[in-house]
Amino acid sequence: MVKQYLILLGIFLFAFTPLQMVKAETVPKAEDIYMTTEDIVSDLVFPAIDKRVIKEYGGDTLFDWQWQRIVGINYNDNHSYDVAVRILIPSKNKDTDKEDLVKVRVSPSCDSGKLNKLKCNHDFKIEILDYKHLS
């Protein structure tokens, strides 16, 4: 009798236990890439500089320019940074390549209680302060 109940219990467990198995999708690991501070600043200010270069030279969105280097970074009292960047505007003739100096203000968000709200009252924004043709 006990044997019959165990068999019946086994059949019920088998019938009501889901037999589906789900395999979770694996997320690829982020690659370990070496990045410098200049690479990070470049990623932040690239869109603003790109729009301004296209405006200055009348090119389309495929217009190419090259990042050369950061010339200087200054911290401002209102929790923003002025970044001066030297860029190269290539031409078909290598002798007529142009160099420009772009000054960009990077203003991180001021939503921390540790910052002086009288001096720091802006959201995250990036703006071009100055654009000079060096050559």
C-alpha atoms as a PDB file:
ATOM      1  CA  MET A   1       0.000   0.000   0.000  1.00  0.00           C
ATOM      2  CA  VAL A   2       2.794   2.423   0.872  1.00  0.00           C
ATOM      3  CA  LYS A   3       4.485   1.528  -2.366  1.00  0.00           C
ATOM      4  CA  GLN A   4       1.378   2.504  -4.346  1.00  0.00           C
ATOM      5  CA  TYR A   5       1.157   5.880  -2.552  1.00  0.00           C
ATOM      6  CA  LEU A   6       4.838   6.588  -3.269  1.00  0.00           C
ATOM      7  CA  ILE A   7       4.359   5.768  -6.951  1.00  0.00           C
ATOM      8  CA  LEU A   8       1.221   7.964  -7.084  1.00  0.00           C
ATOM      9  CA  LEU A   9       3.074  10.797  -5.311  1.00  0.00           C
ATOM     10  CA  GLY A  10       5.951  10.448  -7.771  1.00  0.00           C
ATOM     11  CA  ILE A  11       3.543  10.670 -10.732  1.00  0.00           C
ATOM     12  CA  PHE A  12       1.902  13.822  -9.295  1.00  0.00           C
ATOM     13  CA  LEU A  13       5.270  15.484  -8.636  1.00  0.00           C
ATOM     14  CA  PHE A  14       6.419  14.615 -12.142  1.00  0.00           C
ATOM     15  CA  ALA A  15       3.167  15.905 -13.690  1.00  0.00           C
ATOM     16  CA  PHE A  16       3.061  19.203 -11.827  1.00  0.00           C
ATOM     17  CA  THR A  17       6.756  20.056 -11.764  1.00  0.00           C
ATOM     18  CA  PRO A  18       7.723  22.270 -14.695  1.00  0.00           C
ATOM     19  CA  LEU A  19      10.184  20.581 -16.985  1.00  0.00           C
ATOM     20  CA  GLN A  20      11.272  23.726 -18.755  1.00  0.00           C
ATOM     21  CA  MET A  21      14.812  24.916 -18.348  1.00  0.00           C
ATOM     22  CA  VAL A  22      15.856  28.426 -19.211  1.00  0.00           C
ATOM     23  CA  LYS A  23      19.399  29.265 -20.093  1.00  0.00           C
ATOM     24  CA  ALA A  24      20.287  32.819 -19.162  1.00  0.00           C
ATOM     25  CA  GLU A  25      21.955  34.909 -21.820  1.00  0.00           C
ATOM     26  CA  THR A  26      25.510  35.785 -20.966  1.00  0.00           C
ATOM     27  CA  VAL A  27      26.529  39.404 -21.100  1.00  0.00           C
ATOM     28  CA  PRO A  28      29.885  39.953 -22.762  1.00  0.00           C
ATOM     29  CA  LYS A  29      32.516  41.347 -20.464  1.00  0.00           C
ATOM     30  CA  ALA A  30      33.688  44.854 -21.106  1.00  0.00           C
ATOM     31  CA  GLU A  31      37.091  44.889 -22.674  1.00  0.00           C
ATOM     32  CA  ASP A  32      39.935  46.192 -20.620  1.00  0.00           C
ATOM     33  CA  ILE A  33      41.050  49.190 -22.634  1.00  0.00           C
ATOM     34  CA  TYR A  34      43.786  51.523 -21.545  1.00  0.00           C
ATOM     35  CA  MET A  35      42.492  55.094 -21.616  1.00  0.00           C
ATOM     36  CA  THR A  36      44.215  58.286 -20.652  1.00  0.00           C
ATOM     37  CA  THR A  37      42.659  61.383 -19.134  1.00  0.00           C
ATOM     38  CA  GLU A  38      43.045  63.055 -22.509  1.00  0.00           C
ATOM     39  CA  ASP A  39      40.977  60.277 -24.125  1.00  0.00           C
ATOM     40  CA  ILE A  40      38.161  60.878 -21.640  1.00  0.00           C
ATOM     41  CA  VAL A  41      38.213  64.659 -22.134  1.00  0.00           C
ATOM     42  CA  SER A  42      38.270  64.082 -25.894  1.00  0.00           C
ATOM     43  CA  ASP A  43      35.140  61.925 -25.696  1.00  0.00           C
ATOM     44  CA  LEU A  44      33.341  64.604 -23.683  1.00  0.00           C
ATOM     45  CA  VAL A  45      34.128  67.636 -25.833  1.00  0.00           C
ATOM     46  CA  PHE A  46      34.285  66.003 -29.285  1.00  0.00           C
ATOM     47  CA  PRO A  47      30.632  66.654 -30.297  1.00  0.00           C
ATOM     48  CA  ALA A  48      30.784  70.365 -29.413  1.00  0.00           C
ATOM     49  CA  ILE A  49      34.093  70.874 -31.237  1.00  0.00           C
ATOM     50  CA  ASP A  50      32.871  68.876 -34.229  1.00  0.00           C
ATOM     51  CA  LYS A  51      29.793  71.094 -34.659  1.00  0.00           C
ATOM     52  CA  ARG A  52      31.914  74.242 -34.407  1.00  0.00           C
ATOM     53  CA  VAL A  53      34.551  73.023 -36.911  1.00  0.00           C
ATOM     54  CA  ILE A  54      31.800  72.192 -39.414  1.00  0.00           C
ATOM     55  CA  LYS A  55      30.337  75.662 -38.867  1.00  0.00           C
ATOM     56  CA  GLU A  56      33.748  77.357 -39.297  1.00  0.00           C
ATOM     57  CA  TYR A  57      34.743  75.526 -42.463  1.00  0.00           C
ATOM     58  CA  GLY A  58      31.330  74.908 -43.992  1.00  0.00           C
ATOM     59  CA  GLY A  59      31.859  71.177 -44.292  1.00  0.00           C
ATOM     60  CA  ASP A  60      29.262  68.475 -44.039  1.00  0.00           C
ATOM     61  CA  THR A  61      29.018  65.879 -41.268  1.00  0.00           C
ATOM     62  CA  LEU A  62      31.688  63.767 -42.981  1.00  0.00           C
ATOM     63  CA  PHE A  63      34.164  66.660 -42.737  1.00  0.00           C
ATOM     64  CA  ASP A  64      37.296  65.432 -40.989  1.00  0.00           C
ATOM     65  CA  TRP A  65      39.517  67.082 -38.407  1.00  0.00           C
ATOM     66  CA  GLN A  66      42.092  65.651 -36.030  1.00  0.00           C
ATOM     67  CA  TRP A  67      42.599  66.086 -32.320  1.00  0.00           C
ATOM     68  CA  GLN A  68      46.212  67.049 -31.635  1.00  0.00           C
ATOM     69  CA  ARG A  69      46.502  67.695 -27.921  1.00  0.00           C
ATOM     70  CA  ILE A  70      45.200  69.501 -24.873  1.00  0.00           C
ATOM     71  CA  VAL A  71      47.077  72.761 -24.470  1.00  0.00           C
ATOM     72  CA  GLY A  72      45.737  73.619 -21.029  1.00  0.00           C
ATOM     73  CA  ILE A  73      43.038  73.025 -18.441  1.00  0.00           C
ATOM     74  CA  ASN A  74      41.923  75.694 -15.967  1.00  0.00           C
ATOM     75  CA  TYR A  75      39.571  75.212 -13.039  1.00  0.00           C
ATOM     76  CA  ASN A  76      37.010  77.983 -12.527  1.00  0.00           C
ATOM     77  CA  ASP A  77      35.491  79.138  -9.254  1.00  0.00           C
ATOM     78  CA  ASN A  78      31.998  78.002 -10.301  1.00  0.00           C
ATOM     79  CA  HIS A  79      32.995  74.314 -10.552  1.00  0.00           C
ATOM     80  CA  SER A  80      33.694  74.315 -14.286  1.00  0.00           C
ATOM     81  CA  TYR A  81      36.796  73.672 -16.377  1.00  0.00           C
ATOM     82  CA  ASP A  82      38.143  75.546 -19.385  1.00  0.00           C
ATOM     83  CA  VAL A  83      39.936  73.156 -21.719  1.00  0.00           C
ATOM     84  CA  ALA A  84      42.092  74.510 -24.554  1.00  0.00           C
ATOM     85  CA  VAL A  85      42.520  72.032 -27.404  1.00  0.00           C
ATOM     86  CA  ARG A  86      44.709  72.250 -30.490  1.00  0.00           C
ATOM     87  CA  ILE A  87      43.172  70.628 -33.564  1.00  0.00           C
ATOM     88  CA  LEU A  88      44.376  70.045 -37.119  1.00  0.00           C
ATOM     89  CA  ILE A  89      42.183  70.658 -40.152  1.00  0.00           C
ATOM     90  CA  PRO A  90      43.683  68.580 -42.970  1.00  0.00           C
ATOM     91  CA  SER A  91      43.518  69.632 -46.602  1.00  0.00           C
ATOM     92  CA  LYS A  92      44.305  67.842 -49.841  1.00  0.00           C
ATOM     93  CA  ASN A  93      47.622  69.674 -49.998  1.00  0.00           C
ATOM     94  CA  LYS A  94      49.643  68.859 -46.865  1.00  0.00           C
ATOM     95  CA  ASP A  95      51.290  72.316 -46.945  1.00  0.00           C
ATOM     96  CA  THR A  96      47.950  74.045 -46.403  1.00  0.00           C
ATOM     97  CA  ASP A  97      46.794  72.107 -43.335  1.00  0.00           C
ATOM     98  CA  LYS A  98      45.310  74.462 -40.764  1.00  0.00           C
ATOM     99  CA  GLU A  99      45.760  74.490 -37.015  1.00  0.00           C
ATOM    100  CA  ASP A 100      43.067  75.857 -34.734  1.00  0.00           C
ATOM    101  CA  LEU A 101      42.798  76.430 -31.006  1.00  0.00           C
ATOM    102  CA  VAL A 102      39.442  75.737 -29.408  1.00  0.00           C
ATOM    103  CA  LYS A 103      38.594  76.737 -25.850  1.00  0.00           C
ATOM    104  CA  VAL A 104      35.767  74.652 -24.374  1.00  0.00           C
ATOM    105  CA  ARG A 105      34.039  75.042 -21.015  1.00  0.00           C
ATOM    106  CA  VAL A 106      33.004  71.791 -19.349  1.00  0.00           C
ATOM    107  CA  SER A 107      30.514  72.392 -16.556  1.00  0.00           C
ATOM    108  CA  PRO A 108      29.762  69.290 -14.471  1.00  0.00           C
ATOM    109  CA  SER A 109      26.414  69.133 -12.727  1.00  0.00           C
ATOM    110  CA  CYS A 110      26.126  70.914  -9.378  1.00  0.00           C
ATOM    111  CA  ASP A 111      23.609  68.553  -7.795  1.00  0.00           C
ATOM    112  CA  SER A 112      25.792  67.672  -4.820  1.00  0.00           C
ATOM    113  CA  GLY A 113      25.074  69.173  -1.431  1.00  0.00           C
ATOM    114  CA  LYS A 114      28.809  69.577  -0.864  1.00  0.00           C
ATOM    115  CA  LEU A 115      29.121  72.304  -3.507  1.00  0.00           C
ATOM    116  CA  ASN A 116      28.555  75.998  -2.884  1.00  0.00           C
ATOM    117  CA  LYS A 117      25.142  76.617  -4.525  1.00  0.00           C
ATOM    118  CA  LEU A 118      25.822  80.377  -4.775  1.00  0.00           C
ATOM    119  CA  LYS A 119      28.750  79.799  -7.131  1.00  0.00           C
ATOM    120  CA  CYS A 120      27.758  76.488  -8.687  1.00  0.00           C
ATOM    121  CA  ASN A 121      24.215  76.570 -10.060  1.00  0.00           C
ATOM    122  CA  HIS A 122      24.345  74.832 -13.448  1.00  0.00           C
ATOM    123  CA  ASP A 123      23.562  71.461 -14.965  1.00  0.00           C
ATOM    124  CA  PHE A 124      26.039  69.467 -17.025  1.00  0.00           C
ATOM    125  CA  LYS A 125      26.895  71.370 -20.192  1.00  0.00           C
ATOM    126  CA  ILE A 126      29.691  71.835 -22.674  1.00  0.00           C
ATOM    127  CA  GLU A 127      30.103  75.068 -24.585  1.00  0.00           C
ATOM    128  CA  ILE A 128      32.662  76.597 -26.945  1.00  0.00           C
ATOM    129  CA  LEU A 129      34.150  79.753 -25.423  1.00  0.00           C
ATOM    130  CA  ASP A 130      36.658  80.726 -28.097  1.00  0.00           C
ATOM    131  CA  TYR A 131      37.768  79.536 -31.511  1.00  0.00           C
ATOM    132  CA  LYS A 132      41.018  80.806 -33.031  1.00  0.00           C
ATOM    133  CA  HIS A 133      42.583  80.048 -36.409  1.00  0.00           C
ATOM    134  CA  LEU A 134      46.318  79.651 -35.728  1.00  0.00           C
ATOM    135  CA  SER A 135      47.375  79.072 -39.329  1.00  0.00           C
END
